[in-house]
Amino acid sequence: MRWNSDFACLRAHLFFKDEVKIFTSASENDLGDYALTTTQWKLAEHLVPVLELFNNLTNIFSQAEVPLIYEVAPMLENLEHALDRVYNATEEPAVVRIAAKAALQVVGKYYALTDANEVCRIAIGEYLREAVMRVLCYHIDLFYSDVS
C-alpha cells in the first residue's frame, strides 16, 4: 500500500468525523477500540494539511509526463518553505514539527544532490535565466505602455 492511500483514508476520516464517531461509539458495532481520542483527532487535523503538501507533489510526479529538473527545483523550494513554516509554527504539535524538520533534512539532501550534478545546475540556471527574462520583458512592456 502506498503512503498516499493512508493519507486519503485519514483525510476521509476527518471529513466524516461526526459519522465515524457515531459508528465507532455504537455498541452494536463493537468498534470502540478503534475510536480516536480527542488528542488523536486534533493530531489528525494538524497532520492532514502537512501531508497534503506531499500528496500534491506525489500526484504531479506520478503523472505520465514527469516534470523536468528545472520545473522540480521551484517545487522543492516551495516545499522547503512550507515545511519551514510548519517547523516554526509553535501552535503545531511537537510531533508534527519534528516530522517537518526531518522532511526538511531530506529536501536539503536532494538539493545537495542537484548541486553536485552539472546537468542539474545548468538546467536550473537556464530556468532562472528564463525567469529573469520574463520579468524584464514584463517591466519593459509596462514602461513603454506608460510612455505611449
N, C-alpha and C. Protein backbone atom coordinates (compact mmCIF):
# COMPACT_ATOMS: atom_id res chain seq x y z
N MET A 1 0.85 -1.18 0.00
CA MET A 1 0.00 0.00 0.00
C MET A 1 0.90 1.24 0.00
N ARG A 2 0.54 2.21 -0.81
CA ARG A 2 1.31 3.44 -0.89
C ARG A 2 0.91 4.38 0.24
N TRP A 3 1.83 5.27 0.62
CA TRP A 3 1.59 6.18 1.72
C TRP A 3 0.37 7.04 1.47
N ASN A 4 0.14 7.44 0.20
CA ASN A 4 -0.96 8.36 -0.04
C ASN A 4 -2.32 7.67 0.08
N SER A 5 -2.34 6.34 0.08
CA SER A 5 -3.59 5.63 0.38
C SER A 5 -3.96 5.84 1.85
N ASP A 6 -2.96 5.75 2.72
CA ASP A 6 -3.19 6.03 4.14
C ASP A 6 -3.62 7.48 4.33
N PHE A 7 -2.98 8.37 3.58
CA PHE A 7 -3.35 9.79 3.67
C PHE A 7 -4.80 10.00 3.25
N ALA A 8 -5.21 9.37 2.16
CA ALA A 8 -6.59 9.51 1.69
C ALA A 8 -7.58 9.00 2.74
N CYS A 9 -7.21 7.91 3.41
CA CYS A 9 -8.07 7.38 4.48
C CYS A 9 -8.17 8.36 5.65
N LEU A 10 -7.05 8.94 6.02
CA LEU A 10 -7.04 9.90 7.13
C LEU A 10 -7.86 11.14 6.78
N ARG A 11 -7.69 11.62 5.55
CA ARG A 11 -8.45 12.80 5.12
C ARG A 11 -9.95 12.50 5.11
N ALA A 12 -10.32 11.32 4.62
CA ALA A 12 -11.74 10.93 4.61
C ALA A 12 -12.26 10.76 6.04
N HIS A 13 -11.43 10.22 6.90
CA HIS A 13 -11.79 10.06 8.31
C HIS A 13 -12.15 11.41 8.92
N LEU A 14 -11.34 12.42 8.63
CA LEU A 14 -11.62 13.77 9.13
C LEU A 14 -12.88 14.36 8.50
N PHE A 15 -13.04 14.15 7.21
CA PHE A 15 -14.20 14.68 6.50
C PHE A 15 -15.49 14.12 7.10
N PHE A 16 -15.48 12.83 7.44
CA PHE A 16 -16.64 12.16 8.01
C PHE A 16 -16.51 11.99 9.52
N LYS A 17 -15.89 12.93 10.16
CA LYS A 17 -15.59 12.83 11.60
C LYS A 17 -16.83 12.51 12.43
N ASP A 18 -17.90 13.24 12.23
CA ASP A 18 -19.12 13.01 13.02
C ASP A 18 -19.66 11.60 12.79
N GLU A 19 -19.68 11.18 11.54
CA GLU A 19 -20.20 9.85 11.21
C GLU A 19 -19.30 8.76 11.80
N VAL A 20 -17.98 8.97 11.72
CA VAL A 20 -17.03 8.00 12.27
C VAL A 20 -17.22 7.87 13.77
N LYS A 21 -17.40 9.01 14.45
CA LYS A 21 -17.61 8.97 15.90
C LYS A 21 -18.88 8.20 16.26
N ILE A 22 -19.94 8.45 15.51
CA ILE A 22 -21.20 7.74 15.77
C ILE A 22 -21.02 6.24 15.53
N PHE A 23 -20.37 5.90 14.42
CA PHE A 23 -20.19 4.50 14.04
C PHE A 23 -19.32 3.74 15.04
N THR A 24 -18.23 4.39 15.50
CA THR A 24 -17.32 3.70 16.42
C THR A 24 -17.85 3.68 17.85
N SER A 25 -18.78 4.56 18.15
CA SER A 25 -19.30 4.58 19.52
C SER A 25 -20.54 3.70 19.69
N ALA A 26 -21.15 3.27 18.60
CA ALA A 26 -22.33 2.40 18.70
C ALA A 26 -21.91 1.03 19.21
N SER A 27 -22.48 0.63 20.34
CA SER A 27 -22.07 -0.63 20.98
C SER A 27 -22.33 -1.85 20.09
N GLU A 28 -23.39 -1.79 19.28
CA GLU A 28 -23.70 -2.96 18.43
C GLU A 28 -22.63 -3.18 17.33
N ASN A 29 -21.83 -2.15 17.04
CA ASN A 29 -20.77 -2.31 16.03
C ASN A 29 -19.48 -2.88 16.63
N ASP A 30 -19.36 -2.82 17.93
CA ASP A 30 -18.17 -3.33 18.63
C ASP A 30 -16.87 -2.78 18.04
N LEU A 31 -16.84 -1.44 17.81
CA LEU A 31 -15.66 -0.78 17.24
C LEU A 31 -15.05 0.23 18.20
N GLY A 32 -15.41 0.16 19.44
CA GLY A 32 -14.92 1.12 20.42
C GLY A 32 -13.40 1.18 20.51
N ASP A 33 -12.74 0.04 20.28
CA ASP A 33 -11.27 0.02 20.33
C ASP A 33 -10.65 0.85 19.21
N TYR A 34 -11.42 1.11 18.16
CA TYR A 34 -10.90 1.86 17.01
C TYR A 34 -11.27 3.34 17.05
N ALA A 35 -12.01 3.75 18.06
CA ALA A 35 -12.40 5.15 18.17
C ALA A 35 -11.19 6.01 18.53
N LEU A 36 -11.06 7.14 17.84
CA LEU A 36 -9.94 8.04 18.12
C LEU A 36 -10.22 8.85 19.37
N THR A 37 -9.18 9.14 20.11
CA THR A 37 -9.30 10.01 21.28
C THR A 37 -9.34 11.46 20.80
N THR A 38 -9.67 12.38 21.68
CA THR A 38 -9.67 13.80 21.33
C THR A 38 -8.29 14.24 20.86
N THR A 39 -7.25 13.75 21.52
CA THR A 39 -5.87 14.09 21.14
C THR A 39 -5.56 13.57 19.74
N GLN A 40 -6.00 12.36 19.42
CA GLN A 40 -5.75 11.79 18.10
C GLN A 40 -6.48 12.55 17.00
N TRP A 41 -7.71 13.00 17.29
CA TRP A 41 -8.46 13.81 16.32
C TRP A 41 -7.72 15.13 16.06
N LYS A 42 -7.25 15.75 17.12
CA LYS A 42 -6.52 17.02 16.97
C LYS A 42 -5.24 16.83 16.16
N LEU A 43 -4.52 15.75 16.44
CA LEU A 43 -3.30 15.46 15.70
C LEU A 43 -3.62 15.25 14.21
N ALA A 44 -4.68 14.52 13.92
CA ALA A 44 -5.09 14.29 12.53
C ALA A 44 -5.40 15.61 11.84
N GLU A 45 -6.05 16.52 12.55
CA GLU A 45 -6.39 17.82 11.97
C GLU A 45 -5.14 18.64 11.65
N HIS A 46 -4.08 18.48 12.43
CA HIS A 46 -2.82 19.18 12.16
C HIS A 46 -2.01 18.46 11.07
N LEU A 47 -2.14 17.15 11.02
CA LEU A 47 -1.32 16.34 10.13
C LEU A 47 -1.78 16.40 8.67
N VAL A 48 -3.08 16.40 8.45
CA VAL A 48 -3.61 16.34 7.08
C VAL A 48 -3.11 17.50 6.20
N PRO A 49 -3.13 18.75 6.66
CA PRO A 49 -2.62 19.82 5.78
C PRO A 49 -1.13 19.68 5.46
N VAL A 50 -0.36 19.14 6.38
CA VAL A 50 1.07 18.95 6.12
C VAL A 50 1.26 17.82 5.10
N LEU A 51 0.53 16.74 5.27
CA LEU A 51 0.64 15.64 4.32
C LEU A 51 0.13 16.04 2.94
N GLU A 52 -0.78 17.00 2.90
CA GLU A 52 -1.30 17.49 1.61
C GLU A 52 -0.18 18.04 0.74
N LEU A 53 0.83 18.64 1.37
CA LEU A 53 1.99 19.15 0.62
C LEU A 53 2.64 18.03 -0.18
N PHE A 54 2.83 16.89 0.46
CA PHE A 54 3.46 15.75 -0.18
C PHE A 54 2.52 15.08 -1.17
N ASN A 55 1.24 15.07 -0.86
CA ASN A 55 0.27 14.45 -1.76
C ASN A 55 0.23 15.19 -3.09
N ASN A 56 0.25 16.51 -3.04
CA ASN A 56 0.24 17.29 -4.28
C ASN A 56 1.45 16.96 -5.15
N LEU A 57 2.63 16.91 -4.54
CA LEU A 57 3.83 16.58 -5.30
C LEU A 57 3.81 15.14 -5.80
N THR A 58 3.33 14.23 -4.99
CA THR A 58 3.24 12.82 -5.40
C THR A 58 2.34 12.71 -6.62
N ASN A 59 1.24 13.43 -6.63
CA ASN A 59 0.33 13.38 -7.78
C ASN A 59 1.00 13.94 -9.04
N ILE A 60 1.77 15.00 -8.89
CA ILE A 60 2.48 15.58 -10.04
C ILE A 60 3.50 14.60 -10.59
N PHE A 61 4.29 13.98 -9.70
CA PHE A 61 5.35 13.09 -10.15
C PHE A 61 4.84 11.72 -10.58
N SER A 62 3.59 11.42 -10.30
CA SER A 62 3.00 10.13 -10.70
C SER A 62 2.37 10.19 -12.09
N GLN A 63 2.31 11.38 -12.67
CA GLN A 63 1.72 11.53 -14.00
C GLN A 63 2.65 10.96 -15.07
N ALA A 64 2.08 10.73 -16.24
CA ALA A 64 2.86 10.19 -17.36
C ALA A 64 3.98 11.15 -17.76
N GLU A 65 3.67 12.44 -17.77
CA GLU A 65 4.67 13.44 -18.13
C GLU A 65 5.30 13.98 -16.85
N VAL A 66 6.43 13.43 -16.49
CA VAL A 66 7.14 13.81 -15.27
C VAL A 66 7.80 15.17 -15.48
N PRO A 67 7.75 16.06 -14.48
CA PRO A 67 8.39 17.37 -14.64
C PRO A 67 9.89 17.25 -14.87
N LEU A 68 10.42 18.22 -15.61
CA LEU A 68 11.85 18.28 -15.86
C LEU A 68 12.54 18.93 -14.67
N ILE A 69 13.87 18.78 -14.61
CA ILE A 69 14.63 19.25 -13.44
C ILE A 69 14.41 20.74 -13.18
N TYR A 70 14.34 21.55 -14.23
CA TYR A 70 14.16 22.98 -13.99
C TYR A 70 12.77 23.29 -13.43
N GLU A 71 11.81 22.37 -13.61
CA GLU A 71 10.49 22.54 -13.02
C GLU A 71 10.46 22.00 -11.59
N VAL A 72 11.32 21.02 -11.31
CA VAL A 72 11.34 20.39 -9.99
C VAL A 72 11.96 21.33 -8.95
N ALA A 73 12.99 22.07 -9.34
CA ALA A 73 13.69 22.94 -8.38
C ALA A 73 12.74 23.91 -7.67
N PRO A 74 11.87 24.63 -8.39
CA PRO A 74 10.94 25.52 -7.68
C PRO A 74 9.96 24.75 -6.80
N MET A 75 9.59 23.54 -7.21
CA MET A 75 8.69 22.72 -6.38
C MET A 75 9.37 22.35 -5.07
N LEU A 76 10.65 21.96 -5.15
CA LEU A 76 11.40 21.65 -3.93
C LEU A 76 11.53 22.89 -3.04
N GLU A 77 11.76 24.03 -3.67
CA GLU A 77 11.89 25.26 -2.90
C GLU A 77 10.57 25.61 -2.21
N ASN A 78 9.45 25.47 -2.91
CA ASN A 78 8.15 25.73 -2.30
C ASN A 78 7.87 24.77 -1.15
N LEU A 79 8.23 23.50 -1.35
CA LEU A 79 8.06 22.50 -0.29
C LEU A 79 8.91 22.87 0.91
N GLU A 80 10.14 23.28 0.65
CA GLU A 80 11.05 23.66 1.74
C GLU A 80 10.48 24.83 2.55
N HIS A 81 9.95 25.84 1.86
CA HIS A 81 9.38 26.99 2.57
C HIS A 81 8.14 26.58 3.39
N ALA A 82 7.30 25.74 2.80
CA ALA A 82 6.10 25.29 3.51
C ALA A 82 6.47 24.47 4.74
N LEU A 83 7.44 23.58 4.60
CA LEU A 83 7.88 22.77 5.74
C LEU A 83 8.53 23.64 6.81
N ASP A 84 9.26 24.64 6.38
CA ASP A 84 9.89 25.57 7.32
C ASP A 84 8.83 26.31 8.14
N ARG A 85 7.74 26.70 7.49
CA ARG A 85 6.64 27.37 8.21
C ARG A 85 6.02 26.43 9.24
N VAL A 86 5.85 25.16 8.85
CA VAL A 86 5.30 24.16 9.79
C VAL A 86 6.24 23.98 10.97
N TYR A 87 7.52 23.83 10.68
CA TYR A 87 8.52 23.61 11.73
C TYR A 87 8.56 24.77 12.72
N ASN A 88 8.39 25.99 12.23
CA ASN A 88 8.46 27.18 13.08
C ASN A 88 7.12 27.58 13.70
N ALA A 89 6.06 26.88 13.35
CA ALA A 89 4.72 27.20 13.87
C ALA A 89 4.57 26.61 15.27
N THR A 90 4.64 27.44 16.27
CA THR A 90 4.59 26.96 17.66
C THR A 90 3.24 26.35 18.02
N GLU A 91 2.20 26.65 17.25
CA GLU A 91 0.88 26.09 17.55
C GLU A 91 0.73 24.64 17.05
N GLU A 92 1.70 24.19 16.25
CA GLU A 92 1.66 22.81 15.75
C GLU A 92 2.13 21.87 16.86
N PRO A 93 1.57 20.66 16.91
CA PRO A 93 2.05 19.66 17.88
C PRO A 93 3.53 19.36 17.64
N ALA A 94 4.22 19.04 18.71
CA ALA A 94 5.67 18.79 18.62
C ALA A 94 5.98 17.69 17.61
N VAL A 95 5.18 16.64 17.58
CA VAL A 95 5.46 15.52 16.67
C VAL A 95 5.37 15.98 15.21
N VAL A 96 4.46 16.88 14.90
CA VAL A 96 4.33 17.39 13.53
C VAL A 96 5.52 18.28 13.18
N ARG A 97 5.95 19.09 14.14
CA ARG A 97 7.10 19.97 13.91
C ARG A 97 8.39 19.16 13.73
N ILE A 98 8.55 18.10 14.51
CA ILE A 98 9.73 17.24 14.39
C ILE A 98 9.72 16.53 13.03
N ALA A 99 8.55 16.07 12.59
CA ALA A 99 8.44 15.43 11.28
C ALA A 99 8.77 16.43 10.17
N ALA A 100 8.33 17.67 10.33
CA ALA A 100 8.65 18.71 9.33
C ALA A 100 10.15 18.94 9.28
N LYS A 101 10.80 18.94 10.43
CA LYS A 101 12.26 19.12 10.47
C LYS A 101 12.97 17.96 9.76
N ALA A 102 12.50 16.75 9.99
CA ALA A 102 13.10 15.59 9.33
C ALA A 102 12.90 15.69 7.82
N ALA A 103 11.73 16.11 7.40
CA ALA A 103 11.47 16.27 5.96
C ALA A 103 12.35 17.37 5.37
N LEU A 104 12.58 18.43 6.13
CA LEU A 104 13.47 19.49 5.66
C LEU A 104 14.88 18.96 5.42
N GLN A 105 15.33 18.06 6.26
CA GLN A 105 16.65 17.48 6.08
C GLN A 105 16.72 16.64 4.81
N VAL A 106 15.64 15.94 4.49
CA VAL A 106 15.60 15.16 3.26
C VAL A 106 15.60 16.08 2.04
N VAL A 107 14.81 17.16 2.10
CA VAL A 107 14.80 18.13 1.00
C VAL A 107 16.20 18.71 0.81
N GLY A 108 16.87 19.02 1.90
CA GLY A 108 18.24 19.53 1.83
C GLY A 108 19.18 18.54 1.17
N LYS A 109 18.97 17.26 1.44
CA LYS A 109 19.79 16.21 0.83
C LYS A 109 19.60 16.21 -0.69
N TYR A 110 18.34 16.36 -1.13
CA TYR A 110 18.08 16.39 -2.58
C TYR A 110 18.66 17.64 -3.22
N TYR A 111 18.58 18.76 -2.52
CA TYR A 111 19.21 19.98 -3.03
C TYR A 111 20.71 19.77 -3.20
N ALA A 112 21.34 19.13 -2.22
CA ALA A 112 22.78 18.88 -2.30
C ALA A 112 23.11 18.00 -3.51
N LEU A 113 22.25 17.05 -3.81
CA LEU A 113 22.48 16.20 -4.98
C LEU A 113 22.41 17.00 -6.27
N THR A 114 21.50 17.98 -6.33
CA THR A 114 21.42 18.80 -7.54
C THR A 114 22.64 19.71 -7.66
N ASP A 115 23.17 20.16 -6.52
CA ASP A 115 24.38 20.99 -6.55
C ASP A 115 25.57 20.22 -7.10
N ALA A 116 25.62 18.93 -6.82
CA ALA A 116 26.75 18.11 -7.23
C ALA A 116 26.65 17.66 -8.68
N ASN A 117 25.53 17.91 -9.32
CA ASN A 117 25.30 17.42 -10.68
C ASN A 117 25.32 18.59 -11.66
N GLU A 118 26.26 18.57 -12.58
CA GLU A 118 26.42 19.69 -13.52
C GLU A 118 25.18 19.89 -14.40
N VAL A 119 24.55 18.81 -14.83
CA VAL A 119 23.35 18.92 -15.67
C VAL A 119 22.24 19.64 -14.89
N CYS A 120 22.09 19.30 -13.63
CA CYS A 120 21.07 19.96 -12.80
C CYS A 120 21.37 21.45 -12.67
N ARG A 121 22.62 21.77 -12.42
CA ARG A 121 22.99 23.19 -12.26
C ARG A 121 22.72 23.96 -13.55
N ILE A 122 23.03 23.37 -14.68
CA ILE A 122 22.79 24.04 -15.97
C ILE A 122 21.29 24.23 -16.19
N ALA A 123 20.50 23.17 -15.93
CA ALA A 123 19.05 23.25 -16.13
C ALA A 123 18.43 24.29 -15.23
N ILE A 124 18.85 24.32 -13.96
CA ILE A 124 18.30 25.30 -13.02
C ILE A 124 18.75 26.70 -13.42
N GLY A 125 20.00 26.84 -13.86
CA GLY A 125 20.49 28.14 -14.33
C GLY A 125 19.70 28.63 -15.52
N GLU A 126 19.35 27.72 -16.44
CA GLU A 126 18.54 28.08 -17.61
C GLU A 126 17.15 28.53 -17.17
N TYR A 127 16.58 27.82 -16.21
CA TYR A 127 15.27 28.21 -15.69
C TYR A 127 15.32 29.61 -15.09
N LEU A 128 16.36 29.88 -14.29
CA LEU A 128 16.48 31.20 -13.67
C LEU A 128 16.69 32.28 -14.73
N ARG A 129 17.47 31.97 -15.75
CA ARG A 129 17.69 32.94 -16.83
C ARG A 129 16.37 33.27 -17.51
N GLU A 130 15.58 32.25 -17.82
CA GLU A 130 14.29 32.47 -18.46
C GLU A 130 13.34 33.26 -17.55
N ALA A 131 13.36 32.98 -16.27
CA ALA A 131 12.51 33.70 -15.33
C ALA A 131 12.89 35.18 -15.26
N VAL A 132 14.18 35.45 -15.23
CA VAL A 132 14.66 36.84 -15.21
C VAL A 132 14.24 37.55 -16.49
N MET A 133 14.37 36.89 -17.61
CA MET A 133 13.99 37.49 -18.89
C MET A 133 12.49 37.81 -18.92
N ARG A 134 11.68 36.92 -18.41
CA ARG A 134 10.23 37.17 -18.38
C ARG A 134 9.92 38.39 -17.53
N VAL A 135 10.56 38.51 -16.39
CA VAL A 135 10.33 39.66 -15.51
C VAL A 135 10.78 40.94 -16.19
N LEU A 136 11.96 40.92 -16.81
CA LEU A 136 12.46 42.10 -17.51
C LEU A 136 11.54 42.51 -18.65
N CYS A 137 11.10 41.56 -19.45
CA CYS A 137 10.20 41.87 -20.56
C CYS A 137 8.88 42.45 -20.05
N TYR A 138 8.37 41.92 -18.96
CA TYR A 138 7.14 42.42 -18.38
C TYR A 138 7.31 43.89 -17.98
N HIS A 139 8.41 44.20 -17.31
CA HIS A 139 8.64 45.57 -16.86
C HIS A 139 8.91 46.51 -18.03
N ILE A 140 9.58 46.03 -19.07
CA ILE A 140 9.81 46.87 -20.26
C ILE A 140 8.46 47.16 -20.93
N ASP A 141 7.58 46.16 -21.03
CA ASP A 141 6.26 46.37 -21.60
C ASP A 141 5.48 47.40 -20.79
N LEU A 142 5.55 47.30 -19.46
CA LEU A 142 4.87 48.27 -18.60
C LEU A 142 5.41 49.68 -18.83
N PHE A 143 6.72 49.78 -18.93
CA PHE A 143 7.37 51.09 -19.12
C PHE A 143 6.90 51.72 -20.42
N TYR A 144 6.94 50.96 -21.50
CA TYR A 144 6.57 51.51 -22.80
C TYR A 144 5.07 51.77 -22.90
N SER A 145 4.25 51.00 -22.20
CA SER A 145 2.81 51.27 -22.23
C SER A 145 2.49 52.55 -21.48
N ASP A 146 3.29 52.88 -20.43
CA ASP A 146 3.10 54.14 -19.70
C ASP A 146 3.58 55.33 -20.51
N VAL A 147 4.61 55.15 -21.33
CA VAL A 147 5.20 56.23 -22.12
C VAL A 147 4.28 56.61 -23.27
N SER A 148 3.65 55.62 -23.91
CA SER A 148 2.82 55.91 -25.07
C SER A 148 1.46 56.44 -24.75
